Amino acid sequence: MDTSTRDLILKFQENEITEYHIYRFLAKRAKGKNKEVLERIAEDELAHYNKWKELTNEDVKPNKFKIFFYIALSIIFGITFAIKLMEAGEEGAEKAYERLAKDLPIAEEILRDEMSHEEMLVQMIEEEKLKYVGSMVLGLNDALVELTGSLAGFTFALQNSKVIGLAGLIMGVAASLSMSASEYLSQKSEGDKEKDPLKASIYTGIAYILAVIVLVWPFFVFGHYILALIFSLAGAVGIIYLFTFFMAVVKDEDFRNAFTEMLAISMGVAFISFLVGIAARKWLGIEI
């Protein structure tokens, strides 16, 4: 075995033992069918590690940073997101397996196992929060479009950071309660047995309130209203980026198109509202 092949196999060993520890942790947090499948995959990863070890006769330590990173992701964003992001990062490894399989048949065997893992993972995940993604989308979309537009309009109409922030906060809290109530009544009228109307309304309200906090805080921190607006819009872009990336991973959607569409709508409304604020201040002649 040449040095380059050996080094490649050692990398595979590290990846397998690392993922073994990640799947073991995820299995501990899962229940029912999810738990069983995750435990099975963890054992497969350990078996793969041992098969590579037979070729190298060397123990390899897991990547502790990678373990911490994906465990943290699973806690913050859910098991589905962590697993799918991890599996997406293995596309390069699969290509390396294919090249190695020409000389080592064991690589082809392990590759088949890895591919079956992906199929099982897609079918097994039943995470509660994913049932309410639609409610979160509703809350975030409405908050981003409505609040960015309102804050942009208030900025030139009022030209006072604290007043703008207060107006945005009051409007945002009231709108979040309104959206939560509307989502509750909507889900209840649809009669979807898989979704709890109360939970749907809570997810909608939480998503809306989080967006309100991110968009409004700059007006209470920065004295100049233009600077506050810039940070508020930057926060809106950050929310759009993170949420569309999350959706792209868990729903296997195209990130670029989703991000561009949501960004264009939110910033477009903000720009129009900005012009309305200028016009309102000029025509009405109101000074604060």
C-alpha atoms as a PDB file:
ATOM      1  CA  MET A   1       0.000   0.000   0.000  1.00  0.00           C
ATOM      2  CA  ASP A   2       1.503   3.353  -1.011  1.00  0.00           C
ATOM      3  CA  THR A   3       1.687   6.319   1.366  1.00  0.00           C
ATOM      4  CA  SER A   4      -1.076   8.368  -0.285  1.00  0.00           C
ATOM      5  CA  THR A   5      -3.533   5.454  -0.127  1.00  0.00           C
ATOM      6  CA  ARG A   6      -2.665   4.803   3.503  1.00  0.00           C
ATOM      7  CA  ASP A   7      -3.157   8.486   4.408  1.00  0.00           C
ATOM      8  CA  LEU A   8      -6.539   8.455   2.659  1.00  0.00           C
ATOM      9  CA  ILE A   9      -7.656   5.368   4.571  1.00  0.00           C
ATOM     10  CA  LEU A  10      -6.533   6.934   7.859  1.00  0.00           C
ATOM     11  CA  LYS A  11      -8.761   9.922   7.051  1.00  0.00           C
ATOM     12  CA  PHE A  12     -11.636   7.523   6.423  1.00  0.00           C
ATOM     13  CA  GLN A  13     -10.935   5.886   9.775  1.00  0.00           C
ATOM     14  CA  GLU A  14     -11.078   9.216  11.546  1.00  0.00           C
ATOM     15  CA  ASN A  15     -14.329  10.116   9.794  1.00  0.00           C
ATOM     16  CA  GLU A  16     -15.964   6.783  10.654  1.00  0.00           C
ATOM     17  CA  ILE A  17     -15.039   6.836  14.349  1.00  0.00           C
ATOM     18  CA  THR A  18     -16.063  10.498  14.597  1.00  0.00           C
ATOM     19  CA  GLU A  19     -19.472   9.834  13.084  1.00  0.00           C
ATOM     20  CA  TYR A  20     -19.860   6.790  15.324  1.00  0.00           C
ATOM     21  CA  HIS A  21     -19.681   9.059  18.374  1.00  0.00           C
ATOM     22  CA  ILE A  22     -22.020  11.629  16.787  1.00  0.00           C
ATOM     23  CA  TYR A  23     -24.681   9.036  15.921  1.00  0.00           C
ATOM     24  CA  ARG A  24     -24.384   7.474  19.380  1.00  0.00           C
ATOM     25  CA  PHE A  25     -25.104  10.835  20.973  1.00  0.00           C
ATOM     26  CA  LEU A  26     -28.015  11.523  18.630  1.00  0.00           C
ATOM     27  CA  ALA A  27     -29.433   8.071  19.367  1.00  0.00           C
ATOM     28  CA  LYS A  28     -29.447   8.864  23.088  1.00  0.00           C
ATOM     29  CA  ARG A  29     -31.604  11.937  22.418  1.00  0.00           C
ATOM     30  CA  ALA A  30     -33.949  10.172  19.978  1.00  0.00           C
ATOM     31  CA  LYS A  31     -36.936   7.919  20.660  1.00  0.00           C
ATOM     32  CA  GLY A  32     -38.727   5.016  19.002  1.00  0.00           C
ATOM     33  CA  LYS A  33     -37.823   4.193  15.425  1.00  0.00           C
ATOM     34  CA  ASN A  34     -35.422   7.138  15.173  1.00  0.00           C
ATOM     35  CA  LYS A  35     -33.419   5.792  18.115  1.00  0.00           C
ATOM     36  CA  GLU A  36     -33.208   2.285  16.668  1.00  0.00           C
ATOM     37  CA  VAL A  37     -32.017   3.412  13.249  1.00  0.00           C
ATOM     38  CA  LEU A  38     -29.468   5.858  14.666  1.00  0.00           C
ATOM     39  CA  GLU A  39     -28.031   3.132  16.891  1.00  0.00           C
ATOM     40  CA  ARG A  40     -27.793   0.791  13.915  1.00  0.00           C
ATOM     41  CA  ILE A  41     -25.997   3.401  11.838  1.00  0.00           C
ATOM     42  CA  ALA A  42     -23.617   4.127  14.713  1.00  0.00           C
ATOM     43  CA  GLU A  43     -22.698   0.443  14.901  1.00  0.00           C
ATOM     44  CA  ASP A  44     -22.189   0.356  11.124  1.00  0.00           C
ATOM     45  CA  GLU A  45     -19.841   3.332  11.341  1.00  0.00           C
ATOM     46  CA  LEU A  46     -17.845   1.512  14.044  1.00  0.00           C
ATOM     47  CA  ALA A  47     -17.732  -1.607  11.850  1.00  0.00           C
ATOM     48  CA  HIS A  48     -16.425   0.475   8.948  1.00  0.00           C
ATOM     49  CA  TYR A  49     -13.741   1.910  11.215  1.00  0.00           C
ATOM     50  CA  ASN A  50     -12.616  -1.582  12.219  1.00  0.00           C
ATOM     51  CA  LYS A  51     -12.509  -2.736   8.586  1.00  0.00           C
ATOM     52  CA  TRP A  52     -10.206   0.151   7.695  1.00  0.00           C
ATOM     53  CA  LYS A  53      -8.139  -0.563  10.810  1.00  0.00           C
ATOM     54  CA  GLU A  54      -7.476  -4.094   9.534  1.00  0.00           C
ATOM     55  CA  LEU A  55      -5.694  -2.495   6.582  1.00  0.00           C
ATOM     56  CA  THR A  56      -3.712   0.133   8.493  1.00  0.00           C
ATOM     57  CA  ASN A  57      -3.181  -1.681  11.817  1.00  0.00           C
ATOM     58  CA  GLU A  58      -3.433   1.711  13.488  1.00  0.00           C
ATOM     59  CA  ASP A  59      -5.878   3.303  15.939  1.00  0.00           C
ATOM     60  CA  VAL A  60      -7.185   6.747  15.043  1.00  0.00           C
ATOM     61  CA  LYS A  61      -8.755   9.222  17.457  1.00  0.00           C
ATOM     62  CA  PRO A  62     -12.069  10.912  16.595  1.00  0.00           C
ATOM     63  CA  ASN A  63     -12.254  14.562  15.596  1.00  0.00           C
ATOM     64  CA  LYS A  64     -13.483  16.143  18.845  1.00  0.00           C
ATOM     65  CA  PHE A  65     -14.252  19.492  17.216  1.00  0.00           C
ATOM     66  CA  LYS A  66     -16.473  17.844  14.600  1.00  0.00           C
ATOM     67  CA  ILE A  67     -18.274  15.872  17.312  1.00  0.00           C
ATOM     68  CA  PHE A  68     -18.888  19.019  19.347  1.00  0.00           C
ATOM     69  CA  PHE A  69     -19.951  20.975  16.226  1.00  0.00           C
ATOM     70  CA  TYR A  70     -22.621  18.519  15.059  1.00  0.00           C
ATOM     71  CA  ILE A  71     -23.876  17.812  18.573  1.00  0.00           C
ATOM     72  CA  ALA A  72     -24.295  21.566  19.092  1.00  0.00           C
ATOM     73  CA  LEU A  73     -26.126  21.851  15.760  1.00  0.00           C
ATOM     74  CA  SER A  74     -28.463  19.008  16.725  1.00  0.00           C
ATOM     75  CA  ILE A  75     -29.313  20.725  20.003  1.00  0.00           C
ATOM     76  CA  ILE A  76     -29.878  24.150  18.457  1.00  0.00           C
ATOM     77  CA  PHE A  77     -31.417  23.304  15.071  1.00  0.00           C
ATOM     78  CA  GLY A  78     -32.570  19.715  15.566  1.00  0.00           C
ATOM     79  CA  ILE A  79     -31.390  16.216  14.694  1.00  0.00           C
ATOM     80  CA  THR A  80     -32.644  16.406  11.108  1.00  0.00           C
ATOM     81  CA  PHE A  81     -30.591  19.482  10.284  1.00  0.00           C
ATOM     82  CA  ALA A  82     -27.412  18.117  11.890  1.00  0.00           C
ATOM     83  CA  ILE A  83     -27.650  14.736  10.141  1.00  0.00           C
ATOM     84  CA  LYS A  84     -28.471  16.096   6.707  1.00  0.00           C
ATOM     85  CA  LEU A  85     -25.713  18.681   6.884  1.00  0.00           C
ATOM     86  CA  MET A  86     -23.230  15.998   7.940  1.00  0.00           C
ATOM     87  CA  GLU A  87     -24.318  13.618   5.189  1.00  0.00           C
ATOM     88  CA  ALA A  88     -24.135  16.420   2.614  1.00  0.00           C
ATOM     89  CA  GLY A  89     -20.499  16.908   3.569  1.00  0.00           C
ATOM     90  CA  GLU A  90     -19.754  13.295   2.674  1.00  0.00           C
ATOM     91  CA  GLU A  91     -20.235  13.713  -1.075  1.00  0.00           C
ATOM     92  CA  GLY A  92     -16.495  14.238  -1.507  1.00  0.00           C
ATOM     93  CA  ALA A  93     -15.782  11.163   0.604  1.00  0.00           C
ATOM     94  CA  GLU A  94     -18.077   9.043  -1.566  1.00  0.00           C
ATOM     95  CA  LYS A  95     -16.138  10.055  -4.666  1.00  0.00           C
ATOM     96  CA  ALA A  96     -12.903   9.125  -2.914  1.00  0.00           C
ATOM     97  CA  TYR A  97     -14.432   5.745  -1.978  1.00  0.00           C
ATOM     98  CA  GLU A  98     -15.279   5.149  -5.635  1.00  0.00           C
ATOM     99  CA  ARG A  99     -11.701   5.842  -6.725  1.00  0.00           C
ATOM    100  CA  LEU A 100     -10.307   3.652  -3.970  1.00  0.00           C
ATOM    101  CA  ALA A 101     -12.713   0.807  -4.792  1.00  0.00           C
ATOM    102  CA  LYS A 102     -10.794   0.113  -7.999  1.00  0.00           C
ATOM    103  CA  ASP A 103      -7.920  -1.253  -5.923  1.00  0.00           C
ATOM    104  CA  LEU A 104      -9.694  -2.157  -2.645  1.00  0.00           C
ATOM    105  CA  PRO A 105     -13.048  -4.004  -2.926  1.00  0.00           C
ATOM    106  CA  ILE A 106     -13.763  -3.212   0.738  1.00  0.00           C
ATOM    107  CA  ALA A 107     -14.197   0.458  -0.207  1.00  0.00           C
ATOM    108  CA  GLU A 108     -17.093  -0.444  -2.518  1.00  0.00           C
ATOM    109  CA  GLU A 109     -18.739  -2.429   0.288  1.00  0.00           C
ATOM    110  CA  ILE A 110     -18.468   0.489   2.702  1.00  0.00           C
ATOM    111  CA  LEU A 111     -19.759   2.891   0.036  1.00  0.00           C
ATOM    112  CA  ARG A 112     -22.912   0.771  -0.381  1.00  0.00           C
ATOM    113  CA  ASP A 113     -23.466   0.963   3.366  1.00  0.00           C
ATOM    114  CA  GLU A 114     -23.013   4.740   3.339  1.00  0.00           C
ATOM    115  CA  MET A 115     -25.561   5.134   0.529  1.00  0.00           C
ATOM    116  CA  SER A 116     -28.082   2.973   2.397  1.00  0.00           C
ATOM    117  CA  HIS A 117     -27.543   5.208   5.455  1.00  0.00           C
ATOM    118  CA  GLU A 118     -28.683   8.242   3.508  1.00  0.00           C
ATOM    119  CA  GLU A 119     -31.830   6.477   2.296  1.00  0.00           C
ATOM    120  CA  MET A 120     -32.696   5.328   5.819  1.00  0.00           C
ATOM    121  CA  LEU A 121     -32.060   8.760   7.272  1.00  0.00           C
ATOM    122  CA  VAL A 122     -34.433  10.430   4.828  1.00  0.00           C
ATOM    123  CA  GLN A 123     -37.194   7.963   5.724  1.00  0.00           C
ATOM    124  CA  MET A 124     -36.642   7.711   9.483  1.00  0.00           C
ATOM    125  CA  ILE A 125     -36.652  11.275  10.722  1.00  0.00           C
ATOM    126  CA  GLU A 126     -39.833  12.274  12.490  1.00  0.00           C
ATOM    127  CA  GLU A 127     -39.012  15.494  14.297  1.00  0.00           C
ATOM    128  CA  GLU A 128     -41.871  17.490  15.781  1.00  0.00           C
ATOM    129  CA  LYS A 129     -40.562  20.937  14.916  1.00  0.00           C
ATOM    130  CA  LEU A 130     -40.446  20.032  11.201  1.00  0.00           C
ATOM    131  CA  LYS A 131     -44.223  19.588  11.254  1.00  0.00           C
ATOM    132  CA  TYR A 132     -44.492  23.252  12.138  1.00  0.00           C
ATOM    133  CA  VAL A 133     -41.982  24.640   9.637  1.00  0.00           C
ATOM    134  CA  GLY A 134     -44.883  26.164   7.714  1.00  0.00           C
ATOM    135  CA  SER A 135     -45.932  28.066  10.838  1.00  0.00           C
ATOM    136  CA  MET A 136     -42.376  29.317  11.382  1.00  0.00           C
ATOM    137  CA  VAL A 137     -42.152  30.399   7.744  1.00  0.00           C
ATOM    138  CA  LEU A 138     -45.420  32.279   8.125  1.00  0.00           C
ATOM    139  CA  GLY A 139     -44.212  34.075  11.246  1.00  0.00           C
ATOM    140  CA  LEU A 140     -40.787  34.979   9.869  1.00  0.00           C
ATOM    141  CA  ASN A 141     -41.988  36.024   6.431  1.00  0.00           C
ATOM    142  CA  ASP A 142     -44.701  38.258   7.824  1.00  0.00           C
ATOM    143  CA  ALA A 143     -42.381  39.804  10.420  1.00  0.00           C
ATOM    144  CA  LEU A 144     -39.594  40.462   7.929  1.00  0.00           C
ATOM    145  CA  VAL A 145     -41.831  41.949   5.247  1.00  0.00           C
ATOM    146  CA  GLU A 146     -44.083  43.953   7.577  1.00  0.00           C
ATOM    147  CA  LEU A 147     -41.499  45.129  10.095  1.00  0.00           C
ATOM    148  CA  THR A 148     -38.652  45.982   7.715  1.00  0.00           C
ATOM    149  CA  GLY A 149     -41.127  48.000   5.671  1.00  0.00           C
ATOM    150  CA  SER A 150     -42.578  49.746   8.718  1.00  0.00           C
ATOM    151  CA  LEU A 151     -39.184  50.526  10.280  1.00  0.00           C
ATOM    152  CA  ALA A 152     -37.892  51.907   7.003  1.00  0.00           C
ATOM    153  CA  GLY A 153     -40.991  54.088   6.695  1.00  0.00           C
ATOM    154  CA  PHE A 154     -40.786  55.238  10.320  1.00  0.00           C
ATOM    155  CA  THR A 155     -37.095  56.096   9.907  1.00  0.00           C
ATOM    156  CA  PHE A 156     -37.632  59.028   7.622  1.00  0.00           C
ATOM    157  CA  ALA A 157     -41.087  59.915   8.851  1.00  0.00           C
ATOM    158  CA  LEU A 158     -40.001  60.183  12.504  1.00  0.00           C
ATOM    159  CA  GLN A 159     -36.183  60.562  12.373  1.00  0.00           C
ATOM    160  CA  ASN A 160     -35.772  59.610  16.045  1.00  0.00           C
ATOM    161  CA  SER A 161     -34.183  56.267  16.878  1.00  0.00           C
ATOM    162  CA  LYS A 162     -35.890  55.709  20.229  1.00  0.00           C
ATOM    163  CA  VAL A 163     -39.314  56.675  18.915  1.00  0.00           C
ATOM    164  CA  ILE A 164     -38.845  54.452  15.851  1.00  0.00           C
ATOM    165  CA  GLY A 165     -37.729  51.550  18.041  1.00  0.00           C
ATOM    166  CA  LEU A 166     -40.661  51.989  20.406  1.00  0.00           C
ATOM    167  CA  ALA A 167     -43.160  52.185  17.557  1.00  0.00           C
ATOM    168  CA  GLY A 168     -41.622  49.106  15.926  1.00  0.00           C
ATOM    169  CA  LEU A 169     -41.612  47.151  19.197  1.00  0.00           C
ATOM    170  CA  ILE A 170     -45.254  47.919  19.988  1.00  0.00           C
ATOM    171  CA  MET A 171     -46.327  47.110  16.452  1.00  0.00           C
ATOM    172  CA  GLY A 172     -44.218  43.931  16.384  1.00  0.00           C
ATOM    173  CA  VAL A 173     -45.579  42.524  19.660  1.00  0.00           C
ATOM    174  CA  ALA A 174     -49.164  43.320  18.645  1.00  0.00           C
ATOM    175  CA  ALA A 175     -48.625  41.767  15.202  1.00  0.00           C
ATOM    176  CA  SER A 176     -47.058  38.617  16.697  1.00  0.00           C
ATOM    177  CA  LEU A 177     -50.092  38.089  18.926  1.00  0.00           C
ATOM    178  CA  SER A 178     -52.377  38.685  15.955  1.00  0.00           C
ATOM    179  CA  MET A 179     -50.450  36.234  13.769  1.00  0.00           C
ATOM    180  CA  SER A 180     -50.455  33.597  16.526  1.00  0.00           C
ATOM    181  CA  ALA A 181     -54.213  33.895  16.954  1.00  0.00           C
ATOM    182  CA  SER A 182     -54.766  33.724  13.182  1.00  0.00           C
ATOM    183  CA  GLU A 183     -52.561  30.620  12.861  1.00  0.00           C
ATOM    184  CA  TYR A 184     -54.408  28.934  15.727  1.00  0.00           C
ATOM    185  CA  LEU A 185     -57.798  29.548  14.092  1.00  0.00           C
ATOM    186  CA  SER A 186     -56.437  28.547  10.668  1.00  0.00           C
ATOM    187  CA  GLN A 187     -55.027  25.226  11.882  1.00  0.00           C
ATOM    188  CA  LYS A 188     -58.149  24.495  13.899  1.00  0.00           C
ATOM    189  CA  SER A 189     -60.407  25.098  10.911  1.00  0.00           C
ATOM    190  CA  GLU A 190     -58.250  22.880   8.668  1.00  0.00           C
ATOM    191  CA  GLY A 191     -58.577  19.988  11.109  1.00  0.00           C
ATOM    192  CA  ASP A 192     -55.080  18.609  10.472  1.00  0.00           C
ATOM    193  CA  LYS A 193     -54.718  15.759  12.988  1.00  0.00           C
ATOM    194  CA  GLU A 194     -50.910  15.777  12.718  1.00  0.00           C
ATOM    195  CA  LYS A 195     -50.658  19.386  13.896  1.00  0.00           C
ATOM    196  CA  ASP A 196     -51.704  20.858  17.206  1.00  0.00           C
ATOM    197  CA  PRO A 197     -53.276  24.297  16.578  1.00  0.00           C
ATOM    198  CA  LEU A 198     -51.873  25.653  19.845  1.00  0.00           C
ATOM    199  CA  LYS A 199     -48.327  24.502  19.044  1.00  0.00           C
ATOM    200  CA  ALA A 200     -48.635  25.921  15.525  1.00  0.00           C
ATOM    201  CA  SER A 201     -49.656  29.299  16.944  1.00  0.00           C
ATOM    202  CA  ILE A 202     -46.761  29.205  19.444  1.00  0.00           C
ATOM    203  CA  TYR A 203     -44.188  28.434  16.733  1.00  0.00           C
ATOM    204  CA  THR A 204     -45.607  31.284  14.624  1.00  0.00           C
ATOM    205  CA  GLY A 205     -45.486  33.721  17.545  1.00  0.00           C
ATOM    206  CA  ILE A 206     -41.961  32.749  18.613  1.00  0.00           C
ATOM    207  CA  ALA A 207     -40.618  33.133  15.068  1.00  0.00           C
ATOM    208  CA  TYR A 208     -42.278  36.550  14.793  1.00  0.00           C
ATOM    209  CA  ILE A 209     -41.017  37.778  18.191  1.00  0.00           C
ATOM    210  CA  LEU A 210     -37.435  36.661  17.450  1.00  0.00           C
ATOM    211  CA  ALA A 211     -37.537  38.629  14.193  1.00  0.00           C
ATOM    212  CA  VAL A 212     -38.939  41.658  16.050  1.00  0.00           C
ATOM    213  CA  ILE A 213     -36.077  41.575  18.573  1.00  0.00           C
ATOM    214  CA  VAL A 214     -33.394  41.337  15.875  1.00  0.00           C
ATOM    215  CA  LEU A 215     -34.914  44.140  13.789  1.00  0.00           C
ATOM    216  CA  VAL A 216     -35.775  46.572  16.599  1.00  0.00           C
ATOM    217  CA  TRP A 217     -32.771  46.454  18.970  1.00  0.00           C
ATOM    218  CA  PRO A 218     -30.499  48.716  16.825  1.00  0.00           C
ATOM    219  CA  PHE A 219     -32.876  51.638  17.319  1.00  0.00           C
ATOM    220  CA  PHE A 220     -32.421  51.420  21.088  1.00  0.00           C
ATOM    221  CA  VAL A 221     -28.622  51.155  20.815  1.00  0.00           C
ATOM    222  CA  PHE A 222     -27.596  53.597  18.072  1.00  0.00           C
ATOM    223  CA  GLY A 223     -28.400  57.277  18.366  1.00  0.00           C
ATOM    224  CA  HIS A 224     -28.458  58.014  14.642  1.00  0.00           C
ATOM    225  CA  TYR A 225     -31.592  56.655  12.972  1.00  0.00           C
ATOM    226  CA  ILE A 226     -29.870  55.924   9.630  1.00  0.00           C
ATOM    227  CA  LEU A 227     -27.171  53.828  11.314  1.00  0.00           C
ATOM    228  CA  ALA A 228     -29.851  52.016  13.287  1.00  0.00           C
ATOM    229  CA  LEU A 229     -31.774  51.272  10.090  1.00  0.00           C
ATOM    230  CA  ILE A 230     -28.639  49.893   8.406  1.00  0.00           C
ATOM    231  CA  PHE A 231     -28.038  47.475  11.296  1.00  0.00           C
ATOM    232  CA  SER A 232     -31.714  46.538  11.351  1.00  0.00           C
ATOM    233  CA  LEU A 233     -31.696  45.685   7.633  1.00  0.00           C
ATOM    234  CA  ALA A 234     -28.421  43.766   8.100  1.00  0.00           C
ATOM    235  CA  GLY A 235     -30.174  41.773  10.809  1.00  0.00           C
ATOM    236  CA  ALA A 236     -33.026  41.056   8.406  1.00  0.00           C
ATOM    237  CA  VAL A 237     -30.556  39.749   5.812  1.00  0.00           C
ATOM    238  CA  GLY A 238     -28.959  37.561   8.491  1.00  0.00           C
ATOM    239  CA  ILE A 239     -32.311  36.072   9.483  1.00  0.00           C
ATOM    240  CA  ILE A 240     -33.190  35.388   5.853  1.00  0.00           C
ATOM    241  CA  TYR A 241     -29.822  33.734   5.234  1.00  0.00           C
ATOM    242  CA  LEU A 242     -29.949  31.485   8.304  1.00  0.00           C
ATOM    243  CA  PHE A 243     -33.559  30.435   7.867  1.00  0.00           C
ATOM    244  CA  THR A 244     -33.356  29.740   4.126  1.00  0.00           C
ATOM    245  CA  PHE A 245     -30.160  27.745   4.709  1.00  0.00           C
ATOM    246  CA  PHE A 246     -31.952  25.733   7.406  1.00  0.00           C
ATOM    247  CA  MET A 247     -34.883  25.087   5.050  1.00  0.00           C
ATOM    248  CA  ALA A 248     -32.576  24.184   2.162  1.00  0.00           C
ATOM    249  CA  VAL A 249     -30.864  21.540   4.291  1.00  0.00           C
ATOM    250  CA  VAL A 250     -33.863  19.900   5.977  1.00  0.00           C
ATOM    251  CA  LYS A 251     -36.184  20.121   2.953  1.00  0.00           C
ATOM    252  CA  ASP A 252     -33.561  19.499   0.225  1.00  0.00           C
ATOM    253  CA  GLU A 253     -34.508  22.777  -1.469  1.00  0.00           C
ATOM    254  CA  ASP A 254     -32.424  25.150  -3.582  1.00  0.00           C
ATOM    255  CA  PHE A 255     -30.846  27.645  -1.175  1.00  0.00           C
ATOM    256  CA  ARG A 256     -29.909  30.309  -3.711  1.00  0.00           C
ATOM    257  CA  ASN A 257     -33.390  30.684  -5.205  1.00  0.00           C
ATOM    258  CA  ALA A 258     -35.142  30.698  -1.813  1.00  0.00           C
ATOM    259  CA  PHE A 259     -32.689  33.238  -0.367  1.00  0.00           C
ATOM    260  CA  THR A 260     -32.880  35.543  -3.386  1.00  0.00           C
ATOM    261  CA  GLU A 261     -36.680  35.485  -3.468  1.00  0.00           C
ATOM    262  CA  MET A 262     -37.144  36.179   0.252  1.00  0.00           C
ATOM    263  CA  LEU A 263     -34.443  38.880   0.263  1.00  0.00           C
ATOM    264  CA  ALA A 264     -35.922  40.627  -2.784  1.00  0.00           C
ATOM    265  CA  ILE A 265     -39.399  40.718  -1.262  1.00  0.00           C
ATOM    266  CA  SER A 266     -38.282  42.002   2.156  1.00  0.00           C
ATOM    267  CA  MET A 267     -35.866  44.628   0.829  1.00  0.00           C
ATOM    268  CA  GLY A 268     -38.296  45.668  -1.900  1.00  0.00           C
ATOM    269  CA  VAL A 269     -41.032  46.367   0.634  1.00  0.00           C
ATOM    270  CA  ALA A 270     -38.534  48.180   2.872  1.00  0.00           C
ATOM    271  CA  PHE A 271     -37.430  50.429  -0.010  1.00  0.00           C
ATOM    272  CA  ILE A 272     -41.003  51.314  -0.989  1.00  0.00           C
ATOM    273  CA  SER A 273     -41.887  52.042   2.648  1.00  0.00           C
ATOM    274  CA  PHE A 274     -38.745  54.156   2.932  1.00  0.00           C
ATOM    275  CA  LEU A 275     -40.012  56.337   0.058  1.00  0.00           C
ATOM    276  CA  VAL A 276     -43.469  56.498   1.620  1.00  0.00           C
ATOM    277  CA  GLY A 277     -41.901  57.742   4.871  1.00  0.00           C
ATOM    278  CA  ILE A 278     -40.045  60.515   3.025  1.00  0.00           C
ATOM    279  CA  ALA A 279     -43.202  61.526   1.181  1.00  0.00           C
ATOM    280  CA  ALA A 280     -45.335  61.454   4.318  1.00  0.00           C
ATOM    281  CA  ARG A 281     -42.928  63.699   6.232  1.00  0.00           C
ATOM    282  CA  LYS A 282     -42.690  66.163   3.358  1.00  0.00           C
ATOM    283  CA  TRP A 283     -46.380  66.364   2.468  1.00  0.00           C
ATOM    284  CA  LEU A 284     -47.839  66.222   5.958  1.00  0.00           C
ATOM    285  CA  GLY A 285     -45.194  68.490   7.458  1.00  0.00           C
ATOM    286  CA  ILE A 286     -45.077  66.617  10.787  1.00  0.00           C
ATOM    287  CA  GLU A 287     -41.927  67.127  12.861  1.00  0.00           C
ATOM    288  CA  ILE A 288     -40.977  65.040  15.938  1.00  0.00           C
END
